[in-house]
Amino acid sequence: MRLVTGILGHLLYTVVAMFLINYATYLLFGWNENALSIEGMITYSIPAVIITFLIASFLTARQFFFAWRQAAIKEERMKREIIVSKFESLKNQVNPHFLFNSLNVLTSLVYKDPDLSAKFIKKLSEVYRYVLEVQDKELIDLQDELAFLRSFTFLLKMRHSDGLNVEIDLPENGNYLVAPLALQMLVENAVKHNVISQQEPLSIEVFIENGFLVVRNNLQKKEMKKDASVTVGLRNIIERYAFFTNQPVIVNETDHVFEVKLPALKVE
């Protein structure tokens, strides 16, 4: 489409320009009247049209080559980011801290509430199974991600009790796509880097607003060393979304609120 419209535009411009030049020459110098006839226009325009065609083809081919090269570079970078993301996501889920905390909660539940213990085990298995299932996927249905997020937040809620409030208000049938584990990573970062207690509960909201999936939490940062994994994880999410949409991932931080807005990708 770009090639055809570009060449036609250049040809039309060339023919009109040649006519105006010939007409101006006739008015100023009073000669070459034949150039204003149909045959004269064709005769005088053919060399210019050929040159214009060659130049337009060269410029279009050059532009296409550079665009193709940038797309190839971007694709390779995206592949590396996906590999890193898979590794980081899997590592974050099966790391000893997460498993240790989950087993501690399970140990305290076994004798107190066998039914709740069975539910906890089921949710834990769902989390691990989902991580293994999506590690080779670039995008996933929001419904599947939402089911996983509910299982993950259930585990967090069992651990932190009244110190953690998670409200998820996302459409069940919105035909949206999301990068796998992106919402989970944002929720986990909020839990990891904020104070959580019954006196200072952490509230996390996950909702859709103006075409964005929003993860928002009240800000009550822990006193801890700067963790590069947060920056790396957030940058990874930003770069993954840059591959699928021109809409940027928006990060907002105030004195009291931290939020990340992910573009809501519609199923086409």
C-alpha atoms as a PDB file:
ATOM      1  CA  MET A   1       0.000   0.000   0.000  1.00  0.00           C
ATOM      2  CA  ARG A   2       2.793   2.396   0.901  1.00  0.00           C
ATOM      3  CA  LEU A   3       4.676   1.529  -2.309  1.00  0.00           C
ATOM      4  CA  VAL A   4       1.656   2.033  -4.561  1.00  0.00           C
ATOM      5  CA  THR A   5       0.462   5.270  -2.950  1.00  0.00           C
ATOM      6  CA  GLY A   6       3.992   6.635  -2.840  1.00  0.00           C
ATOM      7  CA  ILE A   7       4.706   5.977  -6.510  1.00  0.00           C
ATOM      8  CA  LEU A   8       1.305   7.268  -7.673  1.00  0.00           C
ATOM      9  CA  GLY A   9       1.738  10.394  -5.568  1.00  0.00           C
ATOM     10  CA  HIS A  10       5.194  11.053  -6.985  1.00  0.00           C
ATOM     11  CA  LEU A  11       4.022  10.427 -10.566  1.00  0.00           C
ATOM     12  CA  LEU A  12       1.064  12.772 -10.187  1.00  0.00           C
ATOM     13  CA  TYR A  13       3.287  15.443  -8.671  1.00  0.00           C
ATOM     14  CA  THR A  14       5.830  15.017 -11.506  1.00  0.00           C
ATOM     15  CA  VAL A  15       3.243  15.333 -14.298  1.00  0.00           C
ATOM     16  CA  VAL A  16       1.690  18.435 -12.728  1.00  0.00           C
ATOM     17  CA  ALA A  17       5.097  19.982 -12.071  1.00  0.00           C
ATOM     18  CA  MET A  18       6.239  19.365 -15.666  1.00  0.00           C
ATOM     19  CA  PHE A  19       3.066  20.959 -17.021  1.00  0.00           C
ATOM     20  CA  LEU A  20       3.498  24.036 -14.810  1.00  0.00           C
ATOM     21  CA  ILE A  21       7.161  24.357 -15.812  1.00  0.00           C
ATOM     22  CA  ASN A  22       6.307  24.118 -19.509  1.00  0.00           C
ATOM     23  CA  TYR A  23       3.446  26.576 -19.092  1.00  0.00           C
ATOM     24  CA  ALA A  24       5.664  29.055 -17.244  1.00  0.00           C
ATOM     25  CA  THR A  25       8.311  28.693 -19.955  1.00  0.00           C
ATOM     26  CA  TYR A  26       5.710  29.435 -22.626  1.00  0.00           C
ATOM     27  CA  LEU A  27       4.420  32.525 -20.787  1.00  0.00           C
ATOM     28  CA  LEU A  28       7.881  33.926 -20.064  1.00  0.00           C
ATOM     29  CA  PHE A  29       9.667  33.140 -23.300  1.00  0.00           C
ATOM     30  CA  GLY A  30       6.855  32.465 -25.735  1.00  0.00           C
ATOM     31  CA  TRP A  31       8.253  29.246 -27.122  1.00  0.00           C
ATOM     32  CA  ASN A  32       7.760  25.497 -26.895  1.00  0.00           C
ATOM     33  CA  GLU A  33       3.979  25.760 -27.272  1.00  0.00           C
ATOM     34  CA  ASN A  34       3.843  22.097 -28.319  1.00  0.00           C
ATOM     35  CA  ALA A  35       4.775  21.111 -24.768  1.00  0.00           C
ATOM     36  CA  LEU A  36       1.316  22.221 -23.642  1.00  0.00           C
ATOM     37  CA  SER A  37      -0.476  19.691 -25.854  1.00  0.00           C
ATOM     38  CA  ILE A  38      -1.331  16.167 -24.727  1.00  0.00           C
ATOM     39  CA  GLU A  39       1.375  14.653 -26.919  1.00  0.00           C
ATOM     40  CA  GLY A  40       3.906  17.214 -25.747  1.00  0.00           C
ATOM     41  CA  MET A  41       3.063  16.616 -22.095  1.00  0.00           C
ATOM     42  CA  ILE A  42       3.535  12.884 -22.580  1.00  0.00           C
ATOM     43  CA  THR A  43       6.804  13.353 -24.467  1.00  0.00           C
ATOM     44  CA  TYR A  44       8.320  15.754 -21.959  1.00  0.00           C
ATOM     45  CA  SER A  45       6.969  13.921 -18.898  1.00  0.00           C
ATOM     46  CA  ILE A  46       8.199  10.408 -19.733  1.00  0.00           C
ATOM     47  CA  PRO A  47      11.890  11.001 -18.748  1.00  0.00           C
ATOM     48  CA  ALA A  48      10.866  12.756 -15.546  1.00  0.00           C
ATOM     49  CA  VAL A  49       8.312  10.048 -14.755  1.00  0.00           C
ATOM     50  CA  ILE A  50      10.908   7.309 -15.220  1.00  0.00           C
ATOM     51  CA  ILE A  51      13.392   9.110 -12.964  1.00  0.00           C
ATOM     52  CA  THR A  52      10.666   9.737 -10.367  1.00  0.00           C
ATOM     53  CA  PHE A  53       9.600   6.094 -10.486  1.00  0.00           C
ATOM     54  CA  LEU A  54      13.167   4.927  -9.869  1.00  0.00           C
ATOM     55  CA  ILE A  55      13.716   7.403  -7.026  1.00  0.00           C
ATOM     56  CA  ALA A  56      10.363   6.601  -5.382  1.00  0.00           C
ATOM     57  CA  SER A  57      11.040   2.865  -5.631  1.00  0.00           C
ATOM     58  CA  PHE A  58      14.498   3.305  -4.130  1.00  0.00           C
ATOM     59  CA  LEU A  59      13.248   5.446  -1.229  1.00  0.00           C
ATOM     60  CA  THR A  60      10.374   3.048  -0.504  1.00  0.00           C
ATOM     61  CA  ALA A  61      12.691   0.037  -0.618  1.00  0.00           C
ATOM     62  CA  ARG A  62      15.162   1.835   1.637  1.00  0.00           C
ATOM     63  CA  GLN A  63      12.430   2.704   4.138  1.00  0.00           C
ATOM     64  CA  PHE A  64      11.111  -0.848   4.048  1.00  0.00           C
ATOM     65  CA  PHE A  65      14.585  -2.250   4.643  1.00  0.00           C
ATOM     66  CA  PHE A  66      15.203  -0.045   7.684  1.00  0.00           C
ATOM     67  CA  ALA A  67      11.732  -0.786   9.090  1.00  0.00           C
ATOM     68  CA  TRP A  68      12.299  -4.520   8.570  1.00  0.00           C
ATOM     69  CA  ARG A  69      15.692  -4.278  10.246  1.00  0.00           C
ATOM     70  CA  GLN A  70      14.231  -2.456  13.269  1.00  0.00           C
ATOM     71  CA  ALA A  71      11.421  -5.012  13.499  1.00  0.00           C
ATOM     72  CA  ALA A  72      13.954  -7.870  13.415  1.00  0.00           C
ATOM     73  CA  ILE A  73      16.031  -6.232  16.149  1.00  0.00           C
ATOM     74  CA  LYS A  74      12.923  -5.588  18.234  1.00  0.00           C
ATOM     75  CA  GLU A  75      11.786  -9.193  17.795  1.00  0.00           C
ATOM     76  CA  GLU A  76      15.150 -10.555  18.923  1.00  0.00           C
ATOM     77  CA  ARG A  77      15.125  -8.250  21.935  1.00  0.00           C
ATOM     78  CA  MET A  78      11.591  -9.363  22.734  1.00  0.00           C
ATOM     79  CA  LYS A  79      12.636 -13.004  22.561  1.00  0.00           C
ATOM     80  CA  ARG A  80      15.414 -12.342  25.064  1.00  0.00           C
ATOM     81  CA  GLU A  81      13.022 -10.457  27.334  1.00  0.00           C
ATOM     82  CA  ILE A  82      10.515 -13.304  27.204  1.00  0.00           C
ATOM     83  CA  ILE A  83      13.231 -15.797  28.115  1.00  0.00           C
ATOM     84  CA  VAL A  84      14.320 -13.607  31.025  1.00  0.00           C
ATOM     85  CA  SER A  85      10.701 -13.128  32.056  1.00  0.00           C
ATOM     86  CA  LYS A  86      10.032 -16.869  32.027  1.00  0.00           C
ATOM     87  CA  PHE A  87      13.089 -17.498  34.142  1.00  0.00           C
ATOM     88  CA  GLU A  88      12.365 -14.699  36.597  1.00  0.00           C
ATOM     89  CA  SER A  89       8.681 -15.589  36.929  1.00  0.00           C
ATOM     90  CA  LEU A  90       9.387 -19.265  37.477  1.00  0.00           C
ATOM     91  CA  LYS A  91      12.194 -18.463  39.895  1.00  0.00           C
ATOM     92  CA  ASN A  92       9.996 -16.041  41.839  1.00  0.00           C
ATOM     93  CA  GLN A  93       7.247 -18.613  42.177  1.00  0.00           C
ATOM     94  CA  VAL A  94       9.332 -21.575  43.237  1.00  0.00           C
ATOM     95  CA  ASN A  95      11.892 -19.705  45.308  1.00  0.00           C
ATOM     96  CA  PRO A  96      12.476 -21.086  48.817  1.00  0.00           C
ATOM     97  CA  HIS A  97      10.891 -18.055  50.523  1.00  0.00           C
ATOM     98  CA  PHE A  98       7.563 -18.423  48.765  1.00  0.00           C
ATOM     99  CA  LEU A  99       7.464 -22.168  49.303  1.00  0.00           C
ATOM    100  CA  PHE A 100       8.695 -21.879  52.885  1.00  0.00           C
ATOM    101  CA  ASN A 101       6.030 -19.302  53.773  1.00  0.00           C
ATOM    102  CA  SER A 102       3.318 -21.359  52.083  1.00  0.00           C
ATOM    103  CA  LEU A 103       4.348 -24.518  53.938  1.00  0.00           C
ATOM    104  CA  ASN A 104       4.410 -22.632  57.233  1.00  0.00           C
ATOM    105  CA  VAL A 105       0.848 -21.468  56.671  1.00  0.00           C
ATOM    106  CA  LEU A 106      -0.170 -24.985  55.681  1.00  0.00           C
ATOM    107  CA  THR A 107       1.440 -26.455  58.797  1.00  0.00           C
ATOM    108  CA  SER A 108      -0.568 -24.152  61.027  1.00  0.00           C
ATOM    109  CA  LEU A 109      -3.786 -25.055  59.211  1.00  0.00           C
ATOM    110  CA  VAL A 110      -3.491 -28.837  59.084  1.00  0.00           C
ATOM    111  CA  TYR A 111      -4.653 -29.500  62.640  1.00  0.00           C
ATOM    112  CA  LYS A 112      -6.935 -26.476  62.965  1.00  0.00           C
ATOM    113  CA  ASP A 113      -9.007 -26.727  59.810  1.00  0.00           C
ATOM    114  CA  PRO A 114      -8.547 -29.767  57.524  1.00  0.00           C
ATOM    115  CA  ASP A 115     -11.044 -28.448  54.957  1.00  0.00           C
ATOM    116  CA  LEU A 116      -9.268 -25.109  54.679  1.00  0.00           C
ATOM    117  CA  SER A 117      -5.954 -26.964  54.462  1.00  0.00           C
ATOM    118  CA  ALA A 118      -7.229 -28.947  51.496  1.00  0.00           C
ATOM    119  CA  LYS A 119      -8.354 -25.740  49.810  1.00  0.00           C
ATOM    120  CA  PHE A 120      -4.972 -24.147  50.478  1.00  0.00           C
ATOM    121  CA  ILE A 121      -3.182 -27.114  48.894  1.00  0.00           C
ATOM    122  CA  LYS A 122      -5.465 -26.918  45.851  1.00  0.00           C
ATOM    123  CA  LYS A 123      -4.766 -23.195  45.390  1.00  0.00           C
ATOM    124  CA  LEU A 124      -1.044 -23.743  45.796  1.00  0.00           C
ATOM    125  CA  SER A 125      -1.065 -26.458  43.121  1.00  0.00           C
ATOM    126  CA  GLU A 126      -3.082 -24.206  40.816  1.00  0.00           C
ATOM    127  CA  VAL A 127      -0.456 -21.475  41.137  1.00  0.00           C
ATOM    128  CA  TYR A 128       2.428 -23.772  40.280  1.00  0.00           C
ATOM    129  CA  ARG A 129       0.536 -25.468  37.446  1.00  0.00           C
ATOM    130  CA  TYR A 130      -0.384 -22.129  35.874  1.00  0.00           C
ATOM    131  CA  VAL A 131       3.235 -20.927  35.946  1.00  0.00           C
ATOM    132  CA  LEU A 132       4.326 -24.060  34.106  1.00  0.00           C
ATOM    133  CA  GLU A 133       1.487 -23.801  31.577  1.00  0.00           C
ATOM    134  CA  VAL A 134       2.089 -20.183  30.517  1.00  0.00           C
ATOM    135  CA  GLN A 135       5.874 -20.098  30.461  1.00  0.00           C
ATOM    136  CA  ASP A 136       5.878 -20.593  26.663  1.00  0.00           C
ATOM    137  CA  LYS A 137       3.092 -18.077  25.929  1.00  0.00           C
ATOM    138  CA  GLU A 138       3.430 -14.390  25.096  1.00  0.00           C
ATOM    139  CA  LEU A 139      -0.193 -13.422  25.840  1.00  0.00           C
ATOM    140  CA  ILE A 140      -2.958 -15.113  27.782  1.00  0.00           C
ATOM    141  CA  ASP A 141      -6.703 -14.585  28.165  1.00  0.00           C
ATOM    142  CA  LEU A 142      -7.508 -12.238  31.004  1.00  0.00           C
ATOM    143  CA  GLN A 143      -9.977 -14.807  32.366  1.00  0.00           C
ATOM    144  CA  ASP A 144      -7.185 -17.349  32.832  1.00  0.00           C
ATOM    145  CA  GLU A 145      -4.885 -14.773  34.405  1.00  0.00           C
ATOM    146  CA  LEU A 146      -7.714 -13.650  36.655  1.00  0.00           C
ATOM    147  CA  ALA A 147      -8.342 -17.194  37.933  1.00  0.00           C
ATOM    148  CA  PHE A 148      -4.635 -17.572  38.660  1.00  0.00           C
ATOM    149  CA  LEU A 149      -4.495 -14.176  40.383  1.00  0.00           C
ATOM    150  CA  ARG A 150      -7.373 -15.147  42.666  1.00  0.00           C
ATOM    151  CA  SER A 151      -5.549 -18.336  43.674  1.00  0.00           C
ATOM    152  CA  PHE A 152      -2.348 -16.396  44.289  1.00  0.00           C
ATOM    153  CA  THR A 153      -4.057 -13.700  46.374  1.00  0.00           C
ATOM    154  CA  PHE A 154      -5.841 -16.419  48.360  1.00  0.00           C
ATOM    155  CA  LEU A 155      -2.441 -17.742  49.448  1.00  0.00           C
ATOM    156  CA  LEU A 156      -1.282 -14.229  50.343  1.00  0.00           C
ATOM    157  CA  LYS A 157      -4.462 -13.566  52.276  1.00  0.00           C
ATOM    158  CA  MET A 158      -4.054 -16.764  54.293  1.00  0.00           C
ATOM    159  CA  ARG A 159      -0.587 -15.650  55.275  1.00  0.00           C
ATOM    160  CA  HIS A 160      -1.284 -11.993  56.094  1.00  0.00           C
ATOM    161  CA  SER A 161      -4.902 -12.291  57.229  1.00  0.00           C
ATOM    162  CA  ASP A 162      -6.478  -8.900  58.018  1.00  0.00           C
ATOM    163  CA  GLY A 163      -3.253  -7.096  57.209  1.00  0.00           C
ATOM    164  CA  LEU A 164      -3.897  -7.512  53.477  1.00  0.00           C
ATOM    165  CA  ASN A 165      -6.930  -6.483  51.474  1.00  0.00           C
ATOM    166  CA  VAL A 166      -7.086  -7.319  47.766  1.00  0.00           C
ATOM    167  CA  GLU A 167     -10.008  -6.158  45.662  1.00  0.00           C
ATOM    168  CA  ILE A 168     -10.210  -7.493  42.107  1.00  0.00           C
ATOM    169  CA  ASP A 169     -12.794  -5.869  39.867  1.00  0.00           C
ATOM    170  CA  LEU A 170     -12.111  -7.110  36.346  1.00  0.00           C
ATOM    171  CA  PRO A 171     -14.606  -8.244  33.682  1.00  0.00           C
ATOM    172  CA  GLU A 172     -15.112 -11.976  33.490  1.00  0.00           C
ATOM    173  CA  ASN A 173     -15.917 -11.872  29.763  1.00  0.00           C
ATOM    174  CA  GLY A 174     -14.171  -8.777  28.476  1.00  0.00           C
ATOM    175  CA  ASN A 175     -12.223 -10.461  25.658  1.00  0.00           C
ATOM    176  CA  TYR A 176      -8.927  -9.000  26.871  1.00  0.00           C
ATOM    177  CA  LEU A 177      -5.397 -10.352  26.667  1.00  0.00           C
ATOM    178  CA  VAL A 178      -2.645  -9.815  29.208  1.00  0.00           C
ATOM    179  CA  ALA A 179       1.029 -10.680  29.473  1.00  0.00           C
ATOM    180  CA  PRO A 180       1.317 -13.846  31.603  1.00  0.00           C
ATOM    181  CA  LEU A 181       2.096 -13.234  35.293  1.00  0.00           C
ATOM    182  CA  ALA A 182       2.189  -9.440  34.812  1.00  0.00           C
ATOM    183  CA  LEU A 183      -0.641  -8.753  37.273  1.00  0.00           C
ATOM    184  CA  GLN A 184       0.755 -11.284  39.732  1.00  0.00           C
ATOM    185  CA  MET A 185       4.207  -9.688  39.612  1.00  0.00           C
ATOM    186  CA  LEU A 186       2.719  -6.259  40.384  1.00  0.00           C
ATOM    187  CA  VAL A 187       0.685  -7.628  43.300  1.00  0.00           C
ATOM    188  CA  GLU A 188       3.695  -9.524  44.623  1.00  0.00           C
ATOM    189  CA  ASN A 189       5.895  -6.418  44.422  1.00  0.00           C
ATOM    190  CA  ALA A 190       3.317  -4.470  46.429  1.00  0.00           C
ATOM    191  CA  VAL A 191       3.293  -7.150  49.126  1.00  0.00           C
ATOM    192  CA  LYS A 192       7.050  -7.520  49.149  1.00  0.00           C
ATOM    193  CA  HIS A 193       7.956  -3.861  49.526  1.00  0.00           C
ATOM    194  CA  ASN A 194       5.247  -2.455  51.784  1.00  0.00           C
ATOM    195  CA  VAL A 195       4.513  -2.799  55.484  1.00  0.00           C
ATOM    196  CA  ILE A 196       1.652  -5.227  56.148  1.00  0.00           C
ATOM    197  CA  SER A 197      -0.015  -5.451  59.546  1.00  0.00           C
ATOM    198  CA  GLN A 198      -3.432  -5.265  61.132  1.00  0.00           C
ATOM    199  CA  GLN A 199      -2.544  -1.783  62.343  1.00  0.00           C
ATOM    200  CA  GLU A 200      -1.330  -0.737  58.889  1.00  0.00           C
ATOM    201  CA  PRO A 201      -3.181  -2.915  56.372  1.00  0.00           C
ATOM    202  CA  LEU A 202      -2.041  -2.951  52.779  1.00  0.00           C
ATOM    203  CA  SER A 203      -4.863  -2.444  50.279  1.00  0.00           C
ATOM    204  CA  ILE A 204      -4.387  -3.543  46.672  1.00  0.00           C
ATOM    205  CA  GLU A 205      -6.914  -2.794  43.952  1.00  0.00           C
ATOM    206  CA  VAL A 206      -6.952  -4.470  40.541  1.00  0.00           C
ATOM    207  CA  PHE A 207      -9.425  -2.968  38.094  1.00  0.00           C
ATOM    208  CA  ILE A 208      -9.894  -1.668  34.554  1.00  0.00           C
ATOM    209  CA  GLU A 209     -10.081   2.045  33.805  1.00  0.00           C
ATOM    210  CA  ASN A 210     -10.018   3.990  30.537  1.00  0.00           C
ATOM    211  CA  GLY A 211      -8.536   1.109  28.566  1.00  0.00           C
ATOM    212  CA  PHE A 212      -5.926   0.168  31.184  1.00  0.00           C
ATOM    213  CA  LEU A 213      -5.597  -2.673  33.680  1.00  0.00           C
ATOM    214  CA  VAL A 214      -4.671  -0.911  36.901  1.00  0.00           C
ATOM    215  CA  VAL A 215      -2.888  -2.337  39.949  1.00  0.00           C
ATOM    216  CA  ARG A 216      -2.949   0.232  42.753  1.00  0.00           C
ATOM    217  CA  ASN A 217      -1.873   0.052  46.393  1.00  0.00           C
ATOM    218  CA  ASN A 218      -1.489   2.425  49.303  1.00  0.00           C
ATOM    219  CA  LEU A 219       2.159   3.269  49.807  1.00  0.00           C
ATOM    220  CA  GLN A 220       3.813   2.333  53.101  1.00  0.00           C
ATOM    221  CA  LYS A 221       7.304   1.320  52.103  1.00  0.00           C
ATOM    222  CA  LYS A 222       9.455  -0.968  54.185  1.00  0.00           C
ATOM    223  CA  GLU A 223      12.853   0.196  55.353  1.00  0.00           C
ATOM    224  CA  MET A 224      15.022  -2.065  53.226  1.00  0.00           C
ATOM    225  CA  LYS A 225      17.869  -2.001  50.790  1.00  0.00           C
ATOM    226  CA  LYS A 226      17.006  -0.997  47.254  1.00  0.00           C
ATOM    227  CA  ASP A 227      16.023  -4.152  45.388  1.00  0.00           C
ATOM    228  CA  ALA A 228      17.037  -4.183  41.737  1.00  0.00           C
ATOM    229  CA  SER A 229      14.627  -7.041  41.037  1.00  0.00           C
ATOM    230  CA  VAL A 230      11.666  -4.637  41.289  1.00  0.00           C
ATOM    231  CA  THR A 231      13.147  -2.349  38.646  1.00  0.00           C
ATOM    232  CA  VAL A 232      14.079  -5.296  36.450  1.00  0.00           C
ATOM    233  CA  GLY A 233      10.637  -6.883  36.778  1.00  0.00           C
ATOM    234  CA  LEU A 234       8.799  -3.639  36.027  1.00  0.00           C
ATOM    235  CA  ARG A 235      11.098  -2.843  33.109  1.00  0.00           C
ATOM    236  CA  ASN A 236      10.495  -6.341  31.770  1.00  0.00           C
ATOM    237  CA  ILE A 237       6.731  -5.786  31.850  1.00  0.00           C
ATOM    238  CA  ILE A 238       7.123  -2.413  30.116  1.00  0.00           C
ATOM    239  CA  GLU A 239       9.261  -3.886  27.334  1.00  0.00           C
ATOM    240  CA  ARG A 240       6.970  -6.868  26.847  1.00  0.00           C
ATOM    241  CA  TYR A 241       3.976  -4.572  26.364  1.00  0.00           C
ATOM    242  CA  ALA A 242       5.952  -2.308  24.031  1.00  0.00           C
ATOM    243  CA  PHE A 243       6.167  -5.261  21.661  1.00  0.00           C
ATOM    244  CA  PHE A 244       2.373  -5.617  21.411  1.00  0.00           C
ATOM    245  CA  THR A 245       1.072  -2.039  21.590  1.00  0.00           C
ATOM    246  CA  ASN A 246       2.105   1.572  21.160  1.00  0.00           C
ATOM    247  CA  GLN A 247       0.314   2.463  24.373  1.00  0.00           C
ATOM    248  CA  PRO A 248       2.870   2.812  27.164  1.00  0.00           C
ATOM    249  CA  VAL A 249       2.772   1.174  30.568  1.00  0.00           C
ATOM    250  CA  ILE A 250       2.104   4.008  33.017  1.00  0.00           C
ATOM    251  CA  VAL A 251       3.740   4.089  36.445  1.00  0.00           C
ATOM    252  CA  ASN A 252       2.497   6.642  38.985  1.00  0.00           C
ATOM    253  CA  GLU A 253       3.798   7.180  42.502  1.00  0.00           C
ATOM    254  CA  THR A 254       2.671   9.772  45.048  1.00  0.00           C
ATOM    255  CA  ASP A 255       3.269  10.124  48.768  1.00  0.00           C
ATOM    256  CA  HIS A 256       0.393   7.759  49.481  1.00  0.00           C
ATOM    257  CA  VAL A 257      -0.331   5.680  46.360  1.00  0.00           C
ATOM    258  CA  PHE A 258       1.614   3.569  43.904  1.00  0.00           C
ATOM    259  CA  GLU A 259      -0.029   2.313  40.726  1.00  0.00           C
ATOM    260  CA  VAL A 260       0.879   0.654  37.451  1.00  0.00           C
ATOM    261  CA  LYS A 261      -1.412   0.821  34.416  1.00  0.00           C
ATOM    262  CA  LEU A 262      -1.121  -1.897  31.772  1.00  0.00           C
ATOM    263  CA  PRO A 263      -2.724  -1.382  28.347  1.00  0.00           C
ATOM    264  CA  ALA A 264      -5.816  -3.567  28.050  1.00  0.00           C
ATOM    265  CA  LEU A 265      -5.224  -5.572  24.877  1.00  0.00           C
ATOM    266  CA  LYS A 266      -8.466  -6.475  23.127  1.00  0.00           C
ATOM    267  CA  VAL A 267      -8.908  -9.814  21.365  1.00  0.00           C
ATOM    268  CA  GLU A 268      -9.195  -9.149  17.621  1.00  0.00           C
END
